[in-house]
Protein backbone atom coordinates (compact mmCIF):
# COMPACT_ATOMS: atom_id res chain seq x y z
CA MET A 1 29.72 -29.85 -42.68
CA ALA A 2 31.28 -27.52 -40.12
CA PRO A 3 33.14 -29.01 -37.15
CA SER A 4 31.08 -29.61 -34.02
CA SER A 5 33.11 -27.20 -31.85
CA SER A 6 32.59 -24.24 -34.22
CA VAL A 7 28.84 -24.90 -34.42
CA VAL A 8 28.58 -25.08 -30.64
CA SER A 9 30.43 -21.77 -30.26
CA LYS A 10 28.04 -20.15 -32.75
CA ILE A 11 25.06 -21.61 -30.88
CA LYS A 12 26.42 -20.16 -27.64
CA VAL A 13 26.66 -16.68 -29.14
CA GLN A 14 23.16 -16.85 -30.63
CA LEU A 15 21.69 -18.09 -27.34
CA LYS A 16 23.11 -15.07 -25.51
CA LEU A 17 21.73 -12.72 -28.14
CA SER A 18 18.37 -14.49 -28.03
CA ILE A 19 18.10 -14.12 -24.24
CA SER A 20 18.75 -10.36 -24.32
CA ARG A 21 16.36 -9.90 -27.24
CA LEU A 22 13.62 -11.93 -25.58
CA ARG A 23 13.84 -9.88 -22.39
CA MET A 24 13.62 -6.64 -24.37
CA VAL A 25 10.52 -7.78 -26.24
CA GLU A 26 8.89 -8.97 -22.99
CA GLN A 27 9.37 -5.56 -21.36
CA LYS A 28 7.96 -3.81 -24.41
CA ASP A 29 4.90 -6.05 -24.56
CA THR A 30 4.28 -5.57 -20.83
CA ALA A 31 4.31 -1.77 -21.21
CA ILE A 32 1.89 -1.93 -24.15
CA ALA A 33 -0.40 -4.27 -22.20
CA LYS A 34 -0.61 -1.73 -19.35
CA GLN A 35 -1.77 0.96 -21.76
CA GLN A 36 -4.36 -1.40 -23.23
CA ARG A 37 -5.67 -2.28 -19.77
CA ARG A 38 -6.10 1.41 -18.96
CA ALA A 39 -8.09 1.82 -22.18
CA MET A 40 -10.28 -1.15 -21.22
CA ALA A 41 -10.99 0.45 -17.85
CA GLN A 42 -12.15 3.63 -19.58
CA LEU A 43 -14.49 1.62 -21.81
CA LEU A 44 -15.98 -0.15 -18.80
CA GLU A 45 -16.44 3.16 -17.01
CA GLN A 46 -18.27 4.54 -20.05
CA GLY A 47 -20.54 1.48 -20.18
CA LYS A 48 -19.15 0.12 -23.48
CA GLU A 49 -19.00 -3.48 -22.35
CA GLU A 50 -19.31 -5.14 -25.77
CA SER A 51 -16.41 -3.13 -27.17
CA ALA A 52 -14.33 -3.96 -24.10
CA ARG A 53 -15.04 -7.69 -24.46
CA ILE A 54 -13.78 -7.66 -28.05
CA ARG A 55 -10.68 -5.60 -27.38
CA VAL A 56 -9.69 -7.52 -24.28
CA GLU A 57 -8.98 -10.56 -26.47
CA ASN A 58 -5.92 -8.70 -27.82
CA ILE A 59 -4.67 -8.32 -24.24
CA ILE A 60 -5.20 -12.04 -23.60
CA ARG A 61 -3.30 -12.98 -26.76
CA SER A 62 -0.49 -10.58 -25.84
CA ASP A 63 -0.20 -12.14 -22.38
CA ILE A 64 -0.05 -15.63 -23.88
CA THR A 65 2.71 -14.54 -26.26
CA THR A 66 4.67 -12.98 -23.41
CA GLU A 67 4.39 -16.22 -21.42
CA LEU A 68 5.65 -18.17 -24.45
CA LEU A 69 8.68 -15.89 -24.76
CA GLU A 70 9.44 -16.38 -21.07
CA ILE A 71 9.40 -20.17 -21.55
CA LEU A 72 11.72 -19.95 -24.57
CA GLU A 73 14.03 -17.67 -22.58
CA LEU A 74 14.28 -20.32 -19.85
CA TYR A 75 15.11 -22.98 -22.45
CA CYS A 76 17.84 -20.77 -23.91
CA GLU A 77 19.32 -20.27 -20.44
CA LEU A 78 19.20 -24.02 -19.87
CA LEU A 79 21.11 -24.72 -23.11
CA LEU A 80 23.60 -22.00 -22.26
CA ALA A 81 24.20 -23.47 -18.81
CA ARG A 82 24.68 -26.99 -20.30
CA ILE A 83 26.56 -25.91 -23.40
CA GLY A 84 29.16 -28.61 -22.82
CA LEU A 85 26.58 -31.33 -23.49
CA LEU A 86 26.09 -30.02 -27.02
CA GLU A 87 29.56 -31.26 -27.96
CA ALA A 88 28.20 -34.80 -28.17
CA LYS A 89 27.01 -36.12 -31.52
CA GLU A 90 23.69 -37.37 -30.20
CA CYS A 91 21.23 -35.14 -28.38
CA ASP A 92 21.32 -35.49 -24.61
CA ALA A 93 18.07 -36.65 -23.00
CA GLY A 94 18.11 -33.72 -20.59
CA LEU A 95 18.27 -31.20 -23.45
CA GLU A 96 15.91 -32.88 -25.92
CA GLU A 97 12.77 -31.09 -24.69
CA ALA A 98 14.43 -27.66 -24.74
CA ILE A 99 15.99 -28.12 -28.19
CA LYS A 100 12.86 -29.50 -29.82
CA SER A 101 10.68 -26.82 -28.23
CA ILE A 102 12.95 -24.09 -29.65
CA ILE A 103 12.92 -25.73 -33.09
CA TYR A 104 9.12 -26.03 -32.92
CA ALA A 105 8.32 -22.50 -31.64
CA ALA A 106 11.06 -20.29 -33.11
CA PRO A 107 9.45 -19.90 -36.59
CA ARG A 108 6.22 -18.66 -34.93
CA THR A 109 8.00 -15.77 -33.21
CA ASP A 110 9.50 -12.52 -34.51
CA ILE A 111 12.84 -13.01 -32.75
CA LYS A 112 15.49 -13.26 -35.47
CA GLU A 113 18.24 -14.24 -33.05
CA LEU A 114 16.15 -17.18 -31.87
CA GLN A 115 15.50 -18.28 -35.45
CA GLN A 116 19.24 -18.23 -36.19
CA ALA A 117 19.87 -20.33 -33.09
CA ARG A 118 17.23 -22.75 -34.39
CA GLN A 119 19.03 -23.08 -37.74
CA LEU A 120 22.29 -23.88 -35.98
CA LEU A 121 20.56 -26.54 -33.87
CA VAL A 122 19.06 -28.10 -37.03
CA GLU A 123 22.51 -28.07 -38.61
CA LYS A 124 23.97 -29.71 -35.51
CA TYR A 125 21.46 -32.59 -35.14
CA GLY A 126 20.29 -33.13 -38.75
CA LYS A 127 17.07 -32.86 -40.74
CA ASP A 128 15.45 -36.01 -39.33
CA PHE A 129 15.76 -34.66 -35.81
CA ALA A 130 14.35 -31.32 -36.93
CA LEU A 131 11.43 -32.99 -38.73
CA GLU A 132 10.48 -34.88 -35.56
CA ALA A 133 10.53 -31.61 -33.61
CA ILE A 134 8.47 -29.70 -36.20
CA GLU A 135 5.78 -32.38 -36.45
CA ASN A 136 6.13 -33.37 -32.77
CA THR A 137 5.71 -37.02 -33.66
CA ASP A 138 7.38 -38.28 -30.49
CA GLY A 139 5.67 -35.72 -28.23
CA LYS A 140 8.94 -34.33 -26.89
CA VAL A 141 7.90 -30.70 -27.38
CA ALA A 142 6.66 -29.19 -24.13
CA GLU A 143 2.88 -29.30 -23.83
CA ARG A 144 2.67 -25.73 -22.52
CA VAL A 145 4.54 -24.49 -25.61
CA VAL A 146 2.12 -26.33 -27.91
CA LYS A 147 -0.87 -25.02 -25.97
CA LYS A 148 0.25 -21.39 -26.12
CA LEU A 149 0.84 -21.59 -29.88
CA ARG A 150 -2.72 -22.75 -30.61
CA VAL A 151 -4.87 -20.19 -32.42
CA GLU A 152 -8.32 -20.30 -30.84
CA PRO A 153 -10.72 -17.76 -29.34
CA PRO A 154 -10.41 -17.31 -25.59
CA ASP A 155 -12.93 -18.78 -23.21
CA PRO A 156 -15.79 -16.34 -22.36
CA GLN A 157 -15.20 -17.02 -18.68
CA LEU A 158 -11.55 -15.99 -19.10
CA VAL A 159 -12.67 -12.78 -20.81
CA THR A 160 -14.98 -11.98 -17.89
CA LEU A 161 -12.22 -12.65 -15.38
CA TYR A 162 -9.89 -10.32 -17.28
CA LEU A 163 -12.48 -7.54 -17.28
CA LYS A 164 -13.16 -7.98 -13.56
CA GLU A 165 -9.46 -7.82 -12.74
CA ILE A 166 -8.99 -4.70 -14.89
CA ALA A 167 -11.99 -3.02 -13.26
CA ARG A 168 -10.71 -3.88 -9.77
CA THR A 169 -7.20 -2.62 -10.56
CA TYR A 170 -8.38 0.76 -11.87
CA GLY A 171 -11.24 1.21 -9.39
CA VAL A 172 -14.13 0.86 -11.83
CA ALA A 173 -17.47 -0.42 -10.51
CA TRP A 174 -18.05 -3.34 -12.89
CA PRO A 175 -20.25 -5.27 -13.27
CA LYS A 176 -22.77 -2.69 -12.11
CA ARG A 177 -25.23 -4.14 -9.65
CA GLU A 178 -28.93 -3.48 -10.11
CA GLU A 179 -30.50 -1.47 -7.31
CA THR A 180 -32.94 -3.58 -5.31
CA PRO A 181 -36.25 -1.84 -4.46
CA ASP A 182 -37.13 -1.16 -0.84
CA VAL A 183 -39.15 -3.77 1.00
CA LEU A 184 -41.76 -1.23 2.04
CA SER A 185 -42.38 2.17 0.50
CA ASP A 186 -44.24 5.10 2.03
CA ASP A 187 -47.04 4.84 -0.53
CA ASP A 188 -47.94 1.24 0.26
CA ASP A 189 -51.08 0.95 2.36
CA GLU A 190 -50.50 -2.66 3.33
CA PRO A 191 -47.29 -4.63 3.59
CA SER A 192 -46.79 -7.41 1.06
CA SER A 193 -46.38 -10.07 3.75
CA GLY A 194 -49.32 -8.87 5.84
CA GLN A 195 -47.16 -8.83 8.98
CA ALA A 196 -45.57 -6.02 10.87
CA ILE A 197 -41.80 -5.81 10.61
CA LYS A 198 -40.03 -6.38 13.90
CA SER A 199 -37.71 -3.70 15.13
CA LEU A 200 -34.08 -4.51 14.65
CA GLU A 201 -33.05 -3.38 18.14
CA ALA A 202 -34.91 -3.19 21.43
CA PRO A 203 -35.47 0.34 22.82
CA LEU A 204 -33.07 1.43 25.51
CA LYS A 205 -34.33 1.87 29.07
CA THR A 206 -33.86 4.98 31.23
CA ASP A 207 -31.32 3.26 33.49
CA GLU A 208 -29.22 2.21 30.53
CA LEU A 209 -29.33 5.71 29.09
CA SER A 210 -28.13 7.21 32.37
CA LYS A 211 -25.19 4.82 32.47
CA ALA A 212 -24.20 5.47 28.89
CA THR A 213 -21.20 7.70 28.30
CA PRO A 214 -21.79 10.73 26.10
CA PRO A 215 -20.00 10.84 22.74
CA LEU A 216 -16.70 12.63 22.57
CA ASP A 217 -17.77 14.92 19.74
CA LEU A 218 -20.77 16.33 21.67
CA GLY A 219 -20.87 20.12 21.93
CA PRO A 220 -19.00 22.81 20.03
CA ARG A 221 -15.78 21.75 18.45
CA SER A 222 -12.56 23.67 18.64
CA PRO A 223 -11.46 25.21 15.34
CA VAL A 224 -7.90 24.11 16.07
CA ARG A 225 -7.13 20.42 15.63
CA VAL A 226 -3.79 18.74 16.17
CA ALA A 227 -3.19 15.42 14.43
CA PRO A 228 -1.20 12.94 16.54
CA PRO A 229 2.18 11.90 15.13
CA SER A 230 2.45 8.54 13.43
CA PRO A 231 3.98 5.73 15.52
CA SER A 232 7.56 4.74 14.89
CA THR A 233 10.05 2.28 16.32
CA GLU A 234 11.37 4.93 18.68
CA ASN A 235 7.93 6.18 19.78
CA VAL A 236 5.39 3.37 19.65
CA SER A 237 2.60 5.28 21.45
CA PRO A 238 2.90 8.92 20.39
CA ARG A 239 1.01 11.60 22.29
CA VAL A 240 0.25 15.19 21.48
CA ARG A 241 2.07 17.56 23.82
CA LEU A 242 0.99 21.20 23.74
CA PRO A 243 3.69 23.75 24.51
CA GLY A 244 3.18 25.43 27.93
CA PRO A 245 4.39 28.84 29.13
CA PRO A 246 8.16 29.13 29.21
CA GLU A 247 9.79 28.70 32.60
CA LEU A 248 11.55 31.97 33.47
CA LYS A 249 14.65 31.80 35.61
CA PRO A 250 15.64 35.03 37.44
CA ASN A 251 18.97 36.49 36.46
CA ALA A 252 21.37 38.35 38.75
CA LYS A 253 19.75 41.75 38.18
CA MET A 254 16.25 40.49 39.01
CA SER A 255 17.58 38.74 42.15
CA GLY A 256 19.17 42.03 43.36
CA LEU A 257 15.94 43.96 42.82
CA LYS A 258 13.97 41.33 44.73
CA LYS A 259 16.35 41.49 47.72
CA GLN A 260 16.22 45.32 47.75
CA THR A 261 12.41 45.29 47.71
CA SER A 262 12.26 42.82 50.61
CA ARG A 263 14.62 45.01 52.68
CA THR A 264 12.51 48.15 52.05
CA GLU A 265 9.35 46.35 53.13
CA ALA A 266 11.06 45.15 56.32
CA ARG A 267 12.13 48.70 57.24
CA SER A 268 8.64 50.11 56.70
CA THR A 269 7.19 47.37 58.89
CA VAL A 270 9.58 48.18 61.76
CA GLU A 271 8.81 51.91 61.55
CA THR A 272 5.04 51.43 61.67
CA SER A 273 5.32 49.05 64.62
CA GLY A 274 7.11 51.68 66.72
CA GLY A 275 10.47 49.99 66.77
CA ASP A 276 9.06 46.74 68.01
CA PRO A 277 11.27 44.02 66.54
CA GLY A 278 8.39 41.59 66.67
CA GLY A 279 6.51 43.81 64.27
CA LYS A 280 3.25 43.70 66.27
CA LYS A 281 1.00 46.82 66.64
CA ASP A 282 -1.45 47.78 69.38
CA VAL A 283 -4.28 48.29 66.97
CA VAL A 284 -7.17 46.20 65.89
CA GLY A 285 -5.78 43.13 64.34
CA GLY A 286 -2.39 43.65 66.16
CA LYS A 287 -1.27 42.84 69.76
CA ILE A 288 -4.09 42.49 72.37
CA PRO A 289 -3.50 45.00 75.30
CA ASP A 290 -3.55 43.67 78.86
CA VAL A 291 -5.59 45.07 81.83
CA ASP A 292 -2.91 47.51 83.06
CA GLU A 293 -2.59 49.16 79.68
CA LEU A 294 -6.35 49.57 79.41
CA ALA A 295 -6.46 51.20 82.88
CA LYS A 296 -3.74 53.66 81.89
CA ARG A 297 -5.67 54.61 78.74
CA PHE A 298 -8.89 55.22 80.65
CA ALA A 299 -7.01 57.41 83.17
CA ALA A 300 -5.54 59.45 80.35
CA LEU A 301 -8.97 59.96 78.81
CA LYS A 302 -10.43 61.22 82.15
CA ARG A 303 -7.77 63.92 82.37
């Protein structure tokens, strides 16, 4: 019989290999299950419900196997974390469930690394210990491991739940609801209940209609629409701002032209007003003449 230290070191190596192998198989099974679920959704969309109910059992069995591998992976990590307790001759009470569950379930899996770890554990603790684990006479094997290794058809309710979840995930309307007929059709001469159906809402009065605000989309719509920006942490309430006309600032050349134009206009105003600095003219709309000026004008006209 090999020394205990060498067996424990071999167990440690096989546990590490088993953990990596279990994770790889779990990822592979998960990817295959996604493809199978997509195929089930297509069957439900085509109305092939009976075929989908039969094929979905493979998905259920695959999910159960994946859950079993996850449990065995946790047990391997537990043994690896407490590898020092395996040095003892007798099995530690805290490791008995994990060791017996691995011995019980490893032959029913396709993980070779896990089966080799099982052989090393049997070599470490003896045939009697292994026989108790295989037959589970003392009930130390985890109940969830025993339950997931049972070969039995799935519950019909579980099958229906699987199909509903697949249909919801892939947006398939299943189960299809039967269309309910209308309560009253146009061809019926008399209602089935013999009573008139009450209106759902009372008619609006004229005062209420006058107070109501018209809808925003009333009238012709503009062909140009601007979508408001999405809110962010910097701008919680975004608003649409349309660009206005650019604000033009006069440069030096434009300022000189403006001053020259104002000077020319001032000169022309002085000339037309007869040199009057006030700029007022004795015409209609200008300065009002007094009585003496009017008398002088009438005297000039008489001459």
